[in-house]
């Protein structure tokens, strides 16, 4: 029997340069301009939220 691969589900869509370029068919410069404009108008925060579980995986173990 063939193994089924599930499509990952993200609760919140990712809004970054690459997704804007792909969705709108625009250049990297145009996508970055849009992101900075949204940041300056305080619609989005460009600082990512740390995922504590993933961060713990990166810490060295004694």
C-alpha atoms as a PDB file:
ATOM      1  CA  UNK A   1       0.000   0.000   0.000  1.00  0.00           C
ATOM      2  CA  UNK A   2       1.220   3.473  -0.848  1.00  0.00           C
ATOM      3  CA  UNK A   3       2.053   5.820   2.007  1.00  0.00           C
ATOM      4  CA  UNK A   4       0.004   9.013   2.103  1.00  0.00           C
ATOM      5  CA  UNK A   5       1.784  12.289   2.749  1.00  0.00           C
ATOM      6  CA  UNK A   6      -0.239  14.968   4.429  1.00  0.00           C
ATOM      7  CA  UNK A   7      -0.096  18.576   3.339  1.00  0.00           C
ATOM      8  CA  UNK A   8       1.239  20.681   6.235  1.00  0.00           C
ATOM      9  CA  UNK A   9      -1.324  23.000   7.758  1.00  0.00           C
ATOM     10  CA  UNK A  10      -0.249  26.402   9.021  1.00  0.00           C
ATOM     11  CA  UNK A  11      -2.741  28.164  11.241  1.00  0.00           C
ATOM     12  CA  UNK A  12      -1.508  31.563  10.115  1.00  0.00           C
ATOM     13  CA  UNK A  13      -0.410  32.208   6.548  1.00  0.00           C
ATOM     14  CA  UNK A  14       3.175  33.335   6.156  1.00  0.00           C
ATOM     15  CA  UNK A  15       3.616  36.900   4.989  1.00  0.00           C
ATOM     16  CA  UNK A  16       7.151  37.449   3.783  1.00  0.00           C
ATOM     17  CA  UNK A  17       9.044  38.584   0.722  1.00  0.00           C
ATOM     18  CA  UNK A  18       8.894  35.206  -1.015  1.00  0.00           C
ATOM     19  CA  UNK A  19       5.163  34.660  -0.486  1.00  0.00           C
ATOM     20  CA  UNK A  20       4.360  38.168  -1.727  1.00  0.00           C
ATOM     21  CA  UNK A  21       6.544  37.667  -4.799  1.00  0.00           C
ATOM     22  CA  UNK A  22       4.816  34.370  -5.615  1.00  0.00           C
ATOM     23  CA  UNK A  23       1.267  35.519  -4.884  1.00  0.00           C
ATOM     24  CA  UNK A  24       1.432  38.891  -6.627  1.00  0.00           C
ATOM     25  CA  UNK A  25       4.048  38.189  -9.299  1.00  0.00           C
ATOM     26  CA  UNK A  26       6.175  41.156  -8.231  1.00  0.00           C
ATOM     27  CA  UNK A  27       9.881  41.769  -7.770  1.00  0.00           C
ATOM     28  CA  UNK A  28      11.781  41.333  -4.505  1.00  0.00           C
ATOM     29  CA  UNK A  29      12.193  45.110  -4.218  1.00  0.00           C
ATOM     30  CA  UNK A  30       8.442  45.685  -4.607  1.00  0.00           C
ATOM     31  CA  UNK A  31       7.630  42.972  -2.052  1.00  0.00           C
ATOM     32  CA  UNK A  32      10.070  44.453   0.476  1.00  0.00           C
ATOM     33  CA  UNK A  33       8.597  47.915  -0.079  1.00  0.00           C
ATOM     34  CA  UNK A  34       5.121  46.568   0.719  1.00  0.00           C
ATOM     35  CA  UNK A  35       6.375  44.812   3.868  1.00  0.00           C
ATOM     36  CA  UNK A  36       8.183  47.910   5.147  1.00  0.00           C
ATOM     37  CA  UNK A  37       5.092  50.027   4.469  1.00  0.00           C
ATOM     38  CA  UNK A  38       2.931  47.603   6.467  1.00  0.00           C
ATOM     39  CA  UNK A  39       5.518  47.625   9.269  1.00  0.00           C
ATOM     40  CA  UNK A  40       5.693  51.431   9.407  1.00  0.00           C
ATOM     41  CA  UNK A  41       1.883  51.621   9.567  1.00  0.00           C
ATOM     42  CA  UNK A  42       2.067  49.071  12.428  1.00  0.00           C
ATOM     43  CA  UNK A  43      -0.106  46.499  10.613  1.00  0.00           C
ATOM     44  CA  UNK A  44       2.550  43.804  10.983  1.00  0.00           C
ATOM     45  CA  UNK A  45       5.564  43.151  13.178  1.00  0.00           C
ATOM     46  CA  UNK A  46       8.717  42.129  11.333  1.00  0.00           C
ATOM     47  CA  UNK A  47      10.269  40.541  14.418  1.00  0.00           C
ATOM     48  CA  UNK A  48       9.366  36.830  14.455  1.00  0.00           C
ATOM     49  CA  UNK A  49       7.891  35.207  17.548  1.00  0.00           C
ATOM     50  CA  UNK A  50      10.264  32.652  19.017  1.00  0.00           C
ATOM     51  CA  UNK A  51       9.010  29.100  19.198  1.00  0.00           C
ATOM     52  CA  UNK A  52      10.261  27.942  22.617  1.00  0.00           C
ATOM     53  CA  UNK A  53      10.098  24.240  21.724  1.00  0.00           C
ATOM     54  CA  UNK A  54      12.235  24.701  18.622  1.00  0.00           C
ATOM     55  CA  UNK A  55      14.593  26.984  20.517  1.00  0.00           C
ATOM     56  CA  UNK A  56      15.129  24.301  23.176  1.00  0.00           C
ATOM     57  CA  UNK A  57      16.126  21.825  20.446  1.00  0.00           C
ATOM     58  CA  UNK A  58      18.921  24.193  19.380  1.00  0.00           C
ATOM     59  CA  UNK A  59      20.384  24.586  22.878  1.00  0.00           C
ATOM     60  CA  UNK A  60      23.458  22.461  23.587  1.00  0.00           C
ATOM     61  CA  UNK A  61      22.876  19.596  26.002  1.00  0.00           C
ATOM     62  CA  UNK A  62      25.261  19.136  28.921  1.00  0.00           C
END
